[in-house]
Amino acid sequence: MRSDEHIVGHTADEFAAMKERGEVNTDFAYLDALTEVELQASIDFEDEGVPDWSTLQAGFPGPKQSVTLEEDRDVIG
């Protein structure tokens, strides 16, 4: 089973509330103490895959564009 099947997103506020309630079991002190070498060694590249840095795009996305779509009733259901 791929690990990305269980990935969920939380806002910073949601995460802080979860941490307050004791729902987060991560040992942040341990993670902060890891060196870059130890962190890289802990990654399971066989399961996670090797990142393709050539596709990395830094920056902010462009402005959003408004779109209006009209559908016939029989298309909607």
N, C-alpha and C. Protein backbone atom coordinates (compact mmCIF):
# COMPACT_ATOMS: atom_id res chain seq x y z
N MET A 1 0.84 -1.17 0.00
CA MET A 1 0.00 0.00 0.00
C MET A 1 0.88 1.24 0.00
N ARG A 2 0.59 2.16 -0.88
CA ARG A 2 1.39 3.39 -0.95
C ARG A 2 1.05 4.31 0.21
N SER A 3 2.05 5.00 0.71
CA SER A 3 1.84 5.86 1.87
C SER A 3 1.00 7.08 1.53
N ASP A 4 0.99 7.52 0.25
CA ASP A 4 0.22 8.72 -0.09
C ASP A 4 -1.28 8.48 -0.05
N GLU A 5 -1.72 7.24 0.15
CA GLU A 5 -3.14 6.97 0.27
C GLU A 5 -3.68 7.44 1.61
N HIS A 6 -2.82 7.76 2.55
CA HIS A 6 -3.24 8.17 3.88
C HIS A 6 -2.86 9.61 4.20
N ILE A 7 -2.46 10.37 3.20
CA ILE A 7 -2.04 11.74 3.44
C ILE A 7 -3.29 12.62 3.58
N VAL A 8 -3.32 13.41 4.64
CA VAL A 8 -4.41 14.36 4.86
C VAL A 8 -3.81 15.73 5.09
N GLY A 9 -4.60 16.76 4.90
CA GLY A 9 -4.12 18.12 5.11
C GLY A 9 -4.83 18.76 6.29
N HIS A 10 -4.09 19.58 7.02
CA HIS A 10 -4.65 20.32 8.15
C HIS A 10 -4.11 21.74 8.11
N THR A 11 -4.93 22.69 8.52
CA THR A 11 -4.43 24.06 8.66
C THR A 11 -3.54 24.12 9.90
N ALA A 12 -2.79 25.20 10.02
CA ALA A 12 -1.92 25.37 11.19
C ALA A 12 -2.76 25.41 12.47
N ASP A 13 -3.93 26.05 12.41
CA ASP A 13 -4.80 26.12 13.59
C ASP A 13 -5.34 24.74 13.95
N GLU A 14 -5.75 23.97 12.97
CA GLU A 14 -6.25 22.61 13.22
C GLU A 14 -5.15 21.75 13.85
N PHE A 15 -3.94 21.87 13.31
CA PHE A 15 -2.83 21.09 13.83
C PHE A 15 -2.50 21.49 15.27
N ALA A 16 -2.51 22.79 15.55
CA ALA A 16 -2.23 23.27 16.90
C ALA A 16 -3.27 22.73 17.88
N ALA A 17 -4.55 22.72 17.46
CA ALA A 17 -5.61 22.20 18.32
C ALA A 17 -5.43 20.70 18.55
N MET A 18 -5.05 19.97 17.51
CA MET A 18 -4.80 18.52 17.65
C MET A 18 -3.64 18.28 18.61
N LYS A 19 -2.61 19.11 18.52
CA LYS A 19 -1.45 18.97 19.39
C LYS A 19 -1.84 19.25 20.84
N GLU A 20 -2.69 20.27 21.06
CA GLU A 20 -3.19 20.60 22.40
C GLU A 20 -3.97 19.43 23.00
N ARG A 21 -4.78 18.76 22.17
CA ARG A 21 -5.60 17.65 22.65
C ARG A 21 -4.80 16.36 22.82
N GLY A 22 -3.52 16.37 22.43
CA GLY A 22 -2.69 15.19 22.56
C GLY A 22 -2.90 14.18 21.44
N GLU A 23 -3.45 14.63 20.31
CA GLU A 23 -3.71 13.74 19.18
C GLU A 23 -2.50 13.62 18.26
N VAL A 24 -1.44 14.36 18.53
CA VAL A 24 -0.23 14.31 17.71
C VAL A 24 0.84 13.58 18.50
N ASN A 25 1.35 12.50 17.95
CA ASN A 25 2.33 11.67 18.65
C ASN A 25 3.76 11.92 18.18
N THR A 26 3.97 12.96 17.39
CA THR A 26 5.29 13.23 16.84
C THR A 26 6.21 13.80 17.92
N ASP A 27 7.43 13.27 17.98
CA ASP A 27 8.44 13.76 18.91
C ASP A 27 9.24 14.86 18.21
N PHE A 28 8.76 16.09 18.32
CA PHE A 28 9.38 17.20 17.60
C PHE A 28 10.79 17.51 18.10
N ALA A 29 11.05 17.29 19.37
CA ALA A 29 12.40 17.52 19.91
C ALA A 29 13.39 16.57 19.23
N TYR A 30 12.98 15.33 19.03
CA TYR A 30 13.84 14.35 18.35
C TYR A 30 14.09 14.79 16.90
N LEU A 31 13.03 15.22 16.22
CA LEU A 31 13.18 15.64 14.82
C LEU A 31 14.08 16.87 14.70
N ASP A 32 13.91 17.82 15.62
CA ASP A 32 14.75 19.02 15.59
C ASP A 32 16.22 18.70 15.84
N ALA A 33 16.50 17.63 16.58
CA ALA A 33 17.87 17.26 16.91
C ALA A 33 18.56 16.50 15.78
N LEU A 34 17.80 16.02 14.79
CA LEU A 34 18.41 15.26 13.69
C LEU A 34 19.28 16.16 12.82
N THR A 35 20.43 15.64 12.43
CA THR A 35 21.27 16.35 11.47
C THR A 35 20.70 16.10 10.08
N GLU A 36 21.15 16.86 9.12
CA GLU A 36 20.70 16.69 7.73
C GLU A 36 21.05 15.29 7.22
N VAL A 37 22.23 14.80 7.59
CA VAL A 37 22.66 13.45 7.17
C VAL A 37 21.73 12.39 7.76
N GLU A 38 21.40 12.52 9.05
CA GLU A 38 20.51 11.56 9.70
C GLU A 38 19.11 11.62 9.10
N LEU A 39 18.66 12.83 8.79
CA LEU A 39 17.34 12.99 8.19
C LEU A 39 17.28 12.32 6.82
N GLN A 40 18.28 12.56 5.98
CA GLN A 40 18.33 11.94 4.66
C GLN A 40 18.41 10.42 4.77
N ALA A 41 19.16 9.92 5.76
CA ALA A 41 19.31 8.48 5.93
C ALA A 41 18.01 7.83 6.38
N SER A 42 17.11 8.61 7.01
CA SER A 42 15.86 8.06 7.50
C SER A 42 14.79 7.92 6.42
N ILE A 43 15.02 8.50 5.25
CA ILE A 43 14.03 8.45 4.17
C ILE A 43 14.11 7.10 3.47
N ASP A 44 12.98 6.45 3.33
CA ASP A 44 12.91 5.17 2.63
C ASP A 44 12.64 5.46 1.15
N PHE A 45 13.72 5.67 0.39
CA PHE A 45 13.57 6.05 -1.01
C PHE A 45 12.93 4.94 -1.84
N GLU A 46 13.08 3.69 -1.42
CA GLU A 46 12.46 2.58 -2.15
C GLU A 46 10.94 2.70 -2.11
N ASP A 47 10.42 3.08 -0.94
CA ASP A 47 8.97 3.22 -0.77
C ASP A 47 8.48 4.59 -1.23
N GLU A 48 9.24 5.64 -0.92
CA GLU A 48 8.82 7.02 -1.21
C GLU A 48 9.20 7.48 -2.61
N GLY A 49 10.22 6.88 -3.19
CA GLY A 49 10.72 7.33 -4.49
C GLY A 49 11.76 8.43 -4.31
N VAL A 50 12.54 8.64 -5.31
CA VAL A 50 13.58 9.67 -5.27
C VAL A 50 12.99 10.96 -5.84
N PRO A 51 13.11 12.08 -5.14
CA PRO A 51 12.53 13.33 -5.65
C PRO A 51 13.19 13.76 -6.95
N ASP A 52 12.38 14.29 -7.85
CA ASP A 52 12.88 14.81 -9.12
C ASP A 52 13.00 16.32 -8.98
N TRP A 53 14.19 16.80 -8.60
CA TRP A 53 14.39 18.22 -8.33
C TRP A 53 14.31 19.06 -9.59
N SER A 54 14.40 18.45 -10.76
CA SER A 54 14.34 19.24 -12.00
C SER A 54 12.95 19.81 -12.25
N THR A 55 11.93 19.24 -11.59
CA THR A 55 10.56 19.75 -11.79
C THR A 55 10.15 20.75 -10.70
N LEU A 56 11.06 21.07 -9.79
CA LEU A 56 10.76 21.99 -8.71
C LEU A 56 10.47 23.38 -9.25
N GLN A 57 9.37 23.98 -8.77
CA GLN A 57 9.02 25.33 -9.18
C GLN A 57 8.81 26.16 -7.92
N ALA A 58 9.66 27.15 -7.73
CA ALA A 58 9.53 28.02 -6.56
C ALA A 58 8.69 29.23 -6.93
N GLY A 59 8.00 29.76 -5.96
CA GLY A 59 7.21 30.96 -6.19
C GLY A 59 5.75 30.76 -5.87
N PHE A 60 4.98 31.79 -6.09
CA PHE A 60 3.56 31.76 -5.81
C PHE A 60 2.78 31.52 -7.10
N PRO A 61 1.63 30.84 -7.01
CA PRO A 61 0.82 30.66 -8.20
C PRO A 61 0.25 32.00 -8.66
N GLY A 62 -0.10 32.07 -9.91
CA GLY A 62 -0.66 33.29 -10.46
C GLY A 62 -2.05 33.56 -9.90
N PRO A 63 -2.64 34.68 -10.30
CA PRO A 63 -3.98 35.02 -9.81
C PRO A 63 -5.02 34.02 -10.32
N LYS A 64 -6.07 33.86 -9.52
CA LYS A 64 -7.15 32.95 -9.91
C LYS A 64 -8.02 33.62 -10.97
N GLN A 65 -8.66 32.78 -11.78
CA GLN A 65 -9.53 33.29 -12.82
C GLN A 65 -10.94 32.76 -12.57
N SER A 66 -11.91 33.64 -12.67
CA SER A 66 -13.30 33.26 -12.47
C SER A 66 -13.84 32.63 -13.75
N VAL A 67 -14.59 31.53 -13.59
CA VAL A 67 -15.17 30.83 -14.74
C VAL A 67 -16.64 30.57 -14.45
N THR A 68 -17.50 30.86 -15.42
CA THR A 68 -18.92 30.57 -15.31
C THR A 68 -19.25 29.46 -16.29
N LEU A 69 -19.99 28.46 -15.80
CA LEU A 69 -20.33 27.32 -16.63
C LEU A 69 -21.83 27.09 -16.56
N GLU A 70 -22.49 27.03 -17.71
CA GLU A 70 -23.92 26.76 -17.75
C GLU A 70 -24.13 25.39 -18.36
N GLU A 71 -24.95 24.56 -17.69
CA GLU A 71 -25.24 23.21 -18.15
C GLU A 71 -26.75 23.03 -18.30
N ASP A 72 -27.16 22.22 -19.28
CA ASP A 72 -28.56 21.86 -19.42
C ASP A 72 -28.95 20.95 -18.27
N ARG A 73 -30.23 20.97 -17.88
CA ARG A 73 -30.69 20.13 -16.77
C ARG A 73 -30.45 18.63 -17.03
N ASP A 74 -30.59 18.20 -18.27
CA ASP A 74 -30.40 16.77 -18.54
C ASP A 74 -28.93 16.36 -18.41
N VAL A 75 -28.00 17.29 -18.52
CA VAL A 75 -26.59 16.96 -18.34
C VAL A 75 -26.29 16.82 -16.85
N ILE A 76 -26.86 17.68 -16.02
CA ILE A 76 -26.62 17.65 -14.58
C ILE A 76 -27.27 16.43 -13.95
N GLY A 77 -28.40 16.04 -14.40
CA GLY A 77 -28.99 14.83 -13.87
C GLY A 77 -30.37 15.04 -13.43
